[in-house]
């Protein structure tokens, strides 16, 4: 079925755009924070979930940046 094409695994393919992923994560986190301050009445549990997920996204982006800068991640 593969013919003349080499068989590769997914980790051998070129990774996606890191910068686009970072921008997407930050924009998603900002949207989640803005959802806390919407016109509807938001309960405490919803605020915790929205804030927690937004914080996780920001921490993941910061952690990835630090690891890449220190050479611990390619």
N, C-alpha and C. Protein backbone atom coordinates (compact mmCIF):
# COMPACT_ATOMS: atom_id res chain seq x y z
N UNK A 1 0.82 -1.20 0.00
CA UNK A 1 0.00 0.00 0.00
C UNK A 1 0.86 1.27 0.00
N UNK A 2 2.00 1.26 0.71
CA UNK A 2 2.81 2.45 0.80
C UNK A 2 3.54 2.72 -0.51
N UNK A 3 3.81 1.70 -1.30
CA UNK A 3 4.49 1.89 -2.57
C UNK A 3 5.91 2.35 -2.35
N UNK A 4 6.28 3.45 -2.98
CA UNK A 4 7.65 3.94 -2.86
C UNK A 4 7.82 4.95 -1.73
N UNK A 5 6.75 5.27 -1.03
CA UNK A 5 6.86 6.22 0.07
C UNK A 5 7.42 5.51 1.31
N UNK A 6 8.32 6.17 2.03
CA UNK A 6 8.85 5.56 3.25
C UNK A 6 7.80 5.54 4.35
N UNK A 7 7.88 4.53 5.18
CA UNK A 7 6.95 4.41 6.30
C UNK A 7 7.55 5.16 7.48
N UNK A 8 6.82 6.14 7.99
CA UNK A 8 7.32 6.94 9.11
C UNK A 8 6.29 6.93 10.23
N UNK A 9 6.79 7.22 11.42
CA UNK A 9 5.90 7.34 12.57
C UNK A 9 5.54 8.81 12.78
N UNK A 10 4.48 9.08 13.53
CA UNK A 10 4.07 10.48 13.71
C UNK A 10 5.13 11.36 14.37
N UNK A 11 5.98 10.80 15.22
CA UNK A 11 6.98 11.64 15.88
C UNK A 11 8.13 12.01 14.95
N UNK A 12 8.20 11.41 13.77
CA UNK A 12 9.24 11.76 12.81
C UNK A 12 8.81 12.91 11.90
N UNK A 13 7.56 13.26 11.92
CA UNK A 13 7.07 14.36 11.09
C UNK A 13 7.47 15.70 11.70
N UNK A 14 7.51 16.71 10.86
CA UNK A 14 7.86 18.05 11.33
C UNK A 14 6.78 18.53 12.29
N UNK A 15 7.18 19.07 13.44
CA UNK A 15 6.17 19.57 14.39
C UNK A 15 5.45 20.79 13.84
N UNK A 16 4.33 21.10 14.44
CA UNK A 16 3.53 22.24 14.01
C UNK A 16 4.19 23.56 14.37
N UNK A 17 3.47 24.63 14.15
CA UNK A 17 4.00 25.96 14.44
C UNK A 17 3.88 26.24 15.93
N UNK A 18 5.02 26.35 16.60
CA UNK A 18 5.03 26.60 18.05
C UNK A 18 4.44 27.97 18.39
N UNK A 19 4.83 28.97 17.61
CA UNK A 19 4.37 30.33 17.91
C UNK A 19 2.86 30.42 17.79
N UNK A 20 2.29 29.77 16.78
CA UNK A 20 0.84 29.79 16.62
C UNK A 20 0.16 29.08 17.78
N UNK A 21 0.76 28.01 18.26
CA UNK A 21 0.21 27.31 19.41
C UNK A 21 0.24 28.14 20.67
N UNK A 22 1.33 28.86 20.87
CA UNK A 22 1.43 29.73 22.04
C UNK A 22 0.41 30.87 21.97
N UNK A 23 0.29 31.47 20.80
CA UNK A 23 -0.67 32.56 20.64
C UNK A 23 -2.09 32.05 20.85
N UNK A 24 -2.39 30.87 20.32
CA UNK A 24 -3.71 30.28 20.51
C UNK A 24 -4.02 29.99 21.96
N UNK A 25 -3.02 29.50 22.69
CA UNK A 25 -3.23 29.20 24.11
C UNK A 25 -3.46 30.48 24.91
N UNK A 26 -2.72 31.53 24.62
CA UNK A 26 -2.88 32.79 25.34
C UNK A 26 -4.23 33.42 25.01
N UNK A 27 -4.63 33.37 23.73
CA UNK A 27 -5.94 33.93 23.36
C UNK A 27 -7.08 33.13 24.00
N UNK A 28 -6.92 31.82 24.08
CA UNK A 28 -7.94 30.99 24.73
C UNK A 28 -8.03 31.31 26.22
N UNK A 29 -6.88 31.49 26.85
CA UNK A 29 -6.87 31.85 28.27
C UNK A 29 -7.54 33.20 28.49
N UNK A 30 -7.26 34.16 27.60
CA UNK A 30 -7.89 35.48 27.71
C UNK A 30 -9.40 35.38 27.54
N UNK A 31 -9.84 34.54 26.60
CA UNK A 31 -11.28 34.37 26.39
C UNK A 31 -11.94 33.75 27.63
N UNK A 32 -11.26 32.80 28.26
CA UNK A 32 -11.80 32.18 29.47
C UNK A 32 -11.92 33.20 30.61
N UNK A 33 -10.91 34.06 30.74
CA UNK A 33 -10.97 35.09 31.78
C UNK A 33 -12.10 36.08 31.49
N UNK A 34 -12.28 36.42 30.21
CA UNK A 34 -13.37 37.34 29.86
C UNK A 34 -14.74 36.71 30.13
N UNK A 35 -14.83 35.38 30.06
CA UNK A 35 -16.10 34.71 30.35
C UNK A 35 -16.50 34.87 31.81
N UNK A 36 -15.53 35.09 32.69
CA UNK A 36 -15.84 35.30 34.10
C UNK A 36 -16.62 36.61 34.28
N UNK A 37 -16.29 37.60 33.45
CA UNK A 37 -16.88 38.94 33.59
C UNK A 37 -17.97 39.19 32.56
N UNK A 38 -18.74 38.17 32.20
CA UNK A 38 -19.80 38.36 31.21
C UNK A 38 -21.05 38.94 31.86
N UNK A 39 -22.09 39.15 31.10
CA UNK A 39 -23.31 39.77 31.59
C UNK A 39 -24.14 38.83 32.46
N UNK A 40 -24.02 37.54 32.23
CA UNK A 40 -24.80 36.59 33.02
C UNK A 40 -24.19 36.42 34.41
N UNK A 41 -25.00 35.92 35.31
CA UNK A 41 -24.51 35.67 36.65
C UNK A 41 -23.73 34.36 36.64
N UNK A 42 -22.46 34.43 37.00
CA UNK A 42 -21.58 33.26 36.99
C UNK A 42 -21.39 32.82 38.44
N UNK A 43 -21.60 31.52 38.68
CA UNK A 43 -21.46 31.01 40.04
C UNK A 43 -19.98 30.86 40.41
N UNK A 44 -19.73 30.59 41.67
CA UNK A 44 -18.37 30.45 42.16
C UNK A 44 -17.63 29.28 41.55
N UNK A 45 -18.32 28.16 41.37
CA UNK A 45 -17.68 26.98 40.80
C UNK A 45 -17.27 27.24 39.36
N UNK A 46 -18.11 27.92 38.60
CA UNK A 46 -17.76 28.25 37.21
C UNK A 46 -16.56 29.17 37.15
N UNK A 47 -16.48 30.14 38.06
CA UNK A 47 -15.33 31.03 38.10
C UNK A 47 -14.05 30.26 38.41
N UNK A 48 -14.13 29.31 39.32
CA UNK A 48 -12.95 28.50 39.67
C UNK A 48 -12.49 27.69 38.46
N UNK A 49 -13.42 27.04 37.76
CA UNK A 49 -13.06 26.25 36.60
C UNK A 49 -12.47 27.12 35.49
N UNK A 50 -13.13 28.23 35.18
CA UNK A 50 -12.64 29.10 34.12
C UNK A 50 -11.26 29.66 34.46
N UNK A 51 -11.10 30.13 35.68
CA UNK A 51 -9.81 30.66 36.10
C UNK A 51 -8.73 29.60 36.16
N UNK A 52 -9.09 28.41 36.61
CA UNK A 52 -8.12 27.32 36.71
C UNK A 52 -7.63 26.86 35.35
N UNK A 53 -8.53 26.72 34.41
CA UNK A 53 -8.14 26.30 33.06
C UNK A 53 -7.30 27.38 32.39
N UNK A 54 -7.67 28.64 32.57
CA UNK A 54 -6.89 29.75 32.01
C UNK A 54 -5.49 29.78 32.62
N UNK A 55 -5.41 29.58 33.93
CA UNK A 55 -4.10 29.56 34.59
C UNK A 55 -3.25 28.39 34.10
N UNK A 56 -3.88 27.23 33.90
CA UNK A 56 -3.15 26.08 33.40
C UNK A 56 -2.56 26.35 32.02
N UNK A 57 -3.34 26.98 31.15
CA UNK A 57 -2.84 27.31 29.81
C UNK A 57 -1.65 28.26 29.87
N UNK A 58 -1.74 29.27 30.71
CA UNK A 58 -0.65 30.24 30.83
C UNK A 58 0.59 29.57 31.42
N UNK A 59 0.43 28.75 32.44
CA UNK A 59 1.56 28.04 33.05
C UNK A 59 2.20 27.08 32.05
N UNK A 60 1.40 26.42 31.24
CA UNK A 60 1.93 25.50 30.23
C UNK A 60 2.77 26.25 29.19
N UNK A 61 2.31 27.42 28.76
CA UNK A 61 3.07 28.21 27.79
C UNK A 61 4.37 28.71 28.42
N UNK A 62 4.31 29.20 29.64
CA UNK A 62 5.51 29.68 30.32
C UNK A 62 6.50 28.54 30.55
N UNK A 63 6.00 27.40 31.00
CA UNK A 63 6.87 26.24 31.22
C UNK A 63 7.53 25.77 29.95
N UNK A 64 6.79 25.73 28.86
CA UNK A 64 7.34 25.32 27.57
C UNK A 64 8.42 26.29 27.12
N UNK A 65 8.18 27.58 27.30
CA UNK A 65 9.16 28.59 26.91
C UNK A 65 10.45 28.44 27.72
N UNK A 66 10.33 28.23 29.01
CA UNK A 66 11.50 28.08 29.86
C UNK A 66 12.28 26.82 29.50
N UNK A 67 11.58 25.72 29.30
CA UNK A 67 12.27 24.49 28.95
C UNK A 67 12.98 24.59 27.61
N UNK A 68 12.37 25.23 26.65
CA UNK A 68 13.01 25.39 25.34
C UNK A 68 14.21 26.33 25.42
N UNK A 69 14.11 27.38 26.22
CA UNK A 69 15.21 28.32 26.35
C UNK A 69 16.42 27.67 27.01
N UNK A 70 16.17 26.76 27.99
CA UNK A 70 17.26 26.10 28.68
C UNK A 70 17.77 24.87 27.94
N UNK A 71 17.18 24.54 26.80
CA UNK A 71 17.64 23.42 26.00
C UNK A 71 17.17 22.07 26.51
N UNK A 72 16.19 22.04 27.38
CA UNK A 72 15.70 20.79 27.93
C UNK A 72 14.59 20.18 27.09
N UNK A 73 14.18 20.92 26.05
CA UNK A 73 13.13 20.45 25.17
C UNK A 73 13.44 20.90 23.75
N UNK A 74 13.23 20.03 22.80
CA UNK A 74 13.57 20.42 21.43
C UNK A 74 12.36 20.93 20.68
